[in-house]
């Protein structure tokens, strides 16, 4: 006899996290997104510079601020809480 279990989003998302824990998770995820975006931007510039040595671009220095992380976390939260 084969038993199949169907998992719904509600079952998976019910972790009984506090509001603080949810906000901390969103902040961590937002920071990760910003860091990954910057790494992709750097890699694109490195790739361009290797392919076009006569048209080298400078790699921008990026500082991820707390405000940047909060704005991104709020965007994530808005999506999650949208009905």
N, C-alpha and C. Protein backbone atom coordinates (compact mmCIF):
# COMPACT_ATOMS: atom_id res chain seq x y z
N UNK A 1 0.84 -1.17 0.00
CA UNK A 1 0.00 0.00 0.00
C UNK A 1 0.89 1.24 0.00
N UNK A 2 0.66 2.11 -0.95
CA UNK A 2 1.44 3.33 -1.10
C UNK A 2 0.71 4.48 -0.42
N UNK A 3 1.38 5.13 0.52
CA UNK A 3 0.79 6.29 1.19
C UNK A 3 1.42 7.55 0.64
N UNK A 4 0.58 8.47 0.26
CA UNK A 4 1.07 9.75 -0.23
C UNK A 4 0.63 10.83 0.74
N UNK A 5 1.54 11.73 1.02
CA UNK A 5 1.22 12.85 1.89
C UNK A 5 1.23 14.12 1.06
N UNK A 6 0.21 14.91 1.22
CA UNK A 6 0.14 16.20 0.55
C UNK A 6 0.45 17.28 1.57
N UNK A 7 1.46 18.07 1.27
CA UNK A 7 1.85 19.16 2.16
C UNK A 7 1.33 20.46 1.58
N UNK A 8 0.64 21.19 2.40
CA UNK A 8 0.15 22.48 1.95
C UNK A 8 1.05 23.57 2.50
N UNK A 9 0.95 24.72 1.90
CA UNK A 9 1.77 25.84 2.35
C UNK A 9 1.47 26.18 3.80
N UNK A 10 0.22 26.09 4.19
CA UNK A 10 -0.15 26.42 5.56
C UNK A 10 0.56 25.50 6.56
N UNK A 11 0.65 24.23 6.23
CA UNK A 11 1.33 23.30 7.13
C UNK A 11 2.82 23.61 7.20
N UNK A 12 3.42 23.90 6.06
CA UNK A 12 4.85 24.19 6.04
C UNK A 12 5.19 25.52 6.67
N UNK A 13 4.31 26.48 6.58
CA UNK A 13 4.59 27.82 7.07
C UNK A 13 4.25 27.98 8.55
N UNK A 14 3.57 27.04 9.14
CA UNK A 14 3.16 27.16 10.53
C UNK A 14 4.30 26.73 11.43
N UNK A 15 5.18 27.66 11.76
CA UNK A 15 6.34 27.32 12.58
C UNK A 15 6.27 27.99 13.95
N UNK A 16 5.20 28.72 14.22
CA UNK A 16 5.01 29.39 15.49
C UNK A 16 6.16 30.33 15.84
N UNK A 17 6.68 31.02 14.85
CA UNK A 17 7.74 31.99 15.10
C UNK A 17 7.13 33.26 15.66
N UNK A 18 7.89 33.92 16.49
CA UNK A 18 7.44 35.20 17.02
C UNK A 18 7.62 36.26 15.94
N UNK A 19 6.99 37.40 16.14
CA UNK A 19 7.15 38.50 15.20
C UNK A 19 8.60 38.92 15.10
N UNK A 20 9.31 38.91 16.22
CA UNK A 20 10.73 39.26 16.22
C UNK A 20 11.53 38.29 15.35
N UNK A 21 11.25 37.01 15.48
CA UNK A 21 11.97 36.00 14.70
C UNK A 21 11.68 36.15 13.21
N UNK A 22 10.43 36.43 12.88
CA UNK A 22 10.06 36.62 11.48
C UNK A 22 10.77 37.84 10.91
N UNK A 23 10.79 38.94 11.66
CA UNK A 23 11.48 40.14 11.19
C UNK A 23 12.98 39.89 11.05
N UNK A 24 13.56 39.16 12.00
CA UNK A 24 14.99 38.85 11.91
C UNK A 24 15.27 38.00 10.66
N UNK A 25 14.40 37.04 10.38
CA UNK A 25 14.57 36.22 9.17
C UNK A 25 14.48 37.08 7.91
N UNK A 26 13.51 38.00 7.89
CA UNK A 26 13.36 38.87 6.73
C UNK A 26 14.59 39.77 6.55
N UNK A 27 15.13 40.27 7.65
CA UNK A 27 16.33 41.10 7.57
C UNK A 27 17.51 40.29 7.03
N UNK A 28 17.67 39.07 7.51
CA UNK A 28 18.76 38.21 7.03
C UNK A 28 18.59 37.90 5.54
N UNK A 29 17.37 37.61 5.15
CA UNK A 29 17.11 37.30 3.75
C UNK A 29 17.36 38.54 2.88
N UNK A 30 16.93 39.69 3.34
CA UNK A 30 17.13 40.93 2.59
C UNK A 30 18.62 41.22 2.43
N UNK A 31 19.39 41.06 3.49
CA UNK A 31 20.82 41.29 3.40
C UNK A 31 21.46 40.32 2.40
N UNK A 32 21.04 39.07 2.44
CA UNK A 32 21.56 38.08 1.51
C UNK A 32 21.25 38.44 0.07
N UNK A 33 20.05 38.91 -0.18
CA UNK A 33 19.67 39.31 -1.54
C UNK A 33 20.54 40.46 -2.02
N UNK A 34 20.73 41.47 -1.16
CA UNK A 34 21.56 42.62 -1.55
C UNK A 34 23.00 42.20 -1.82
N UNK A 35 23.54 41.32 -0.97
CA UNK A 35 24.91 40.85 -1.17
C UNK A 35 25.04 40.04 -2.46
N UNK A 36 24.06 39.18 -2.73
CA UNK A 36 24.10 38.38 -3.96
C UNK A 36 23.98 39.25 -5.20
N UNK A 37 23.13 40.28 -5.13
CA UNK A 37 23.00 41.19 -6.27
C UNK A 37 24.32 41.89 -6.54
N UNK A 38 25.00 42.32 -5.49
CA UNK A 38 26.30 42.99 -5.65
C UNK A 38 27.33 42.04 -6.25
N UNK A 39 27.35 40.79 -5.76
CA UNK A 39 28.30 39.81 -6.30
C UNK A 39 28.04 39.55 -7.78
N UNK A 40 26.77 39.46 -8.18
CA UNK A 40 26.45 39.26 -9.60
C UNK A 40 26.90 40.46 -10.43
N UNK A 41 26.71 41.66 -9.88
CA UNK A 41 27.14 42.87 -10.58
C UNK A 41 28.66 42.86 -10.75
N UNK A 42 29.39 42.50 -9.71
CA UNK A 42 30.85 42.43 -9.81
C UNK A 42 31.28 41.39 -10.84
N UNK A 43 30.66 40.23 -10.81
CA UNK A 43 31.02 39.16 -11.75
C UNK A 43 30.76 39.59 -13.19
N UNK A 44 29.68 40.33 -13.41
CA UNK A 44 29.39 40.81 -14.77
C UNK A 44 30.48 41.78 -15.23
N UNK A 45 30.95 42.61 -14.33
CA UNK A 45 32.01 43.56 -14.69
C UNK A 45 33.32 42.82 -14.95
N UNK A 46 33.66 41.84 -14.10
CA UNK A 46 34.87 41.05 -14.33
C UNK A 46 34.81 40.34 -15.67
N UNK A 47 33.66 39.79 -15.99
CA UNK A 47 33.48 39.09 -17.27
C UNK A 47 33.64 40.07 -18.43
N UNK A 48 33.05 41.24 -18.30
CA UNK A 48 33.18 42.26 -19.34
C UNK A 48 34.64 42.65 -19.52
N UNK A 49 35.34 42.86 -18.40
CA UNK A 49 36.74 43.28 -18.48
C UNK A 49 37.62 42.21 -19.12
N UNK A 50 37.31 40.95 -18.90
CA UNK A 50 38.08 39.88 -19.54
C UNK A 50 37.79 39.82 -21.05
N UNK A 51 36.55 40.05 -21.40
CA UNK A 51 36.16 39.97 -22.81
C UNK A 51 36.57 41.21 -23.59
N UNK A 52 36.62 42.34 -22.94
CA UNK A 52 36.93 43.61 -23.61
C UNK A 52 38.05 44.33 -22.85
N UNK A 53 39.29 43.86 -22.99
CA UNK A 53 40.39 44.46 -22.22
C UNK A 53 40.64 45.93 -22.53
N UNK A 54 40.21 46.40 -23.71
CA UNK A 54 40.40 47.81 -24.06
C UNK A 54 39.26 48.69 -23.56
N UNK A 55 38.27 48.10 -22.94
CA UNK A 55 37.11 48.85 -22.45
C UNK A 55 36.80 48.40 -21.02
N UNK A 56 37.81 48.46 -20.18
CA UNK A 56 37.63 47.98 -18.81
C UNK A 56 36.77 48.93 -18.00
N UNK A 57 35.93 48.33 -17.18
CA UNK A 57 35.07 49.09 -16.28
C UNK A 57 35.56 48.89 -14.85
N UNK A 58 35.39 49.91 -14.06
CA UNK A 58 35.78 49.83 -12.66
C UNK A 58 34.70 49.09 -11.87
N UNK A 59 35.14 48.30 -10.92
CA UNK A 59 34.21 47.60 -10.04
C UNK A 59 33.78 48.58 -8.96
N UNK A 60 32.49 48.85 -8.88
CA UNK A 60 32.03 49.82 -7.89
C UNK A 60 32.15 49.26 -6.47
N UNK A 61 32.46 50.15 -5.57
CA UNK A 61 32.48 49.77 -4.16
C UNK A 61 31.08 49.99 -3.64
N UNK A 62 30.53 48.98 -3.04
CA UNK A 62 29.15 49.09 -2.58
C UNK A 62 29.12 48.89 -1.08
N UNK A 63 28.43 49.78 -0.43
CA UNK A 63 28.21 49.64 1.00
C UNK A 63 26.74 49.34 1.20
N UNK A 64 26.46 48.22 1.82
CA UNK A 64 25.08 47.86 2.13
C UNK A 64 24.77 48.45 3.49
N UNK A 65 23.84 49.39 3.50
CA UNK A 65 23.50 50.06 4.75
C UNK A 65 22.31 49.37 5.42
N UNK A 66 22.13 49.68 6.67
CA UNK A 66 20.98 49.16 7.40
C UNK A 66 19.69 49.61 6.73
N UNK A 67 19.68 50.84 6.24
CA UNK A 67 18.49 51.35 5.57
C UNK A 67 18.18 50.54 4.31
N UNK A 68 19.21 50.16 3.55
CA UNK A 68 19.01 49.33 2.36
C UNK A 68 18.39 47.98 2.73
N UNK A 69 18.91 47.40 3.79
CA UNK A 69 18.40 46.09 4.24
C UNK A 69 16.94 46.22 4.68
N UNK A 70 16.63 47.28 5.42
CA UNK A 70 15.27 47.47 5.92
C UNK A 70 14.29 47.68 4.78
N UNK A 71 14.68 48.49 3.79
CA UNK A 71 13.80 48.72 2.63
C UNK A 71 13.52 47.39 1.91
N UNK A 72 14.54 46.60 1.70
CA UNK A 72 14.36 45.31 1.02
C UNK A 72 13.52 44.37 1.86
N UNK A 73 13.75 44.34 3.17
CA UNK A 73 12.96 43.49 4.07
C UNK A 73 11.49 43.90 4.05
N UNK A 74 11.24 45.20 3.99
CA UNK A 74 9.85 45.67 3.92
C UNK A 74 9.19 45.24 2.62
N UNK A 75 9.94 45.23 1.53
CA UNK A 75 9.40 44.75 0.25
C UNK A 75 9.05 43.27 0.36
N UNK A 76 9.93 42.49 0.98
CA UNK A 76 9.65 41.07 1.15
C UNK A 76 8.42 40.87 2.03
N UNK A 77 8.34 41.62 3.12
CA UNK A 77 7.20 41.50 4.03
C UNK A 77 5.90 41.89 3.34
N UNK A 78 5.94 42.93 2.52
CA UNK A 78 4.73 43.35 1.81
C UNK A 78 4.24 42.23 0.90
N UNK A 79 5.15 41.55 0.25
CA UNK A 79 4.77 40.45 -0.63
C UNK A 79 4.19 39.29 0.19
N UNK A 80 4.83 38.97 1.29
CA UNK A 80 4.40 37.84 2.12
C UNK A 80 3.03 38.09 2.72
N UNK A 81 2.77 39.31 3.13
CA UNK A 81 1.50 39.60 3.81
C UNK A 81 0.38 39.97 2.85
N UNK A 82 0.67 40.08 1.57
CA UNK A 82 -0.36 40.45 0.61
C UNK A 82 -1.39 39.33 0.52
N UNK A 83 -2.64 39.71 0.42
CA UNK A 83 -3.75 38.73 0.38
C UNK A 83 -4.09 38.36 -1.04
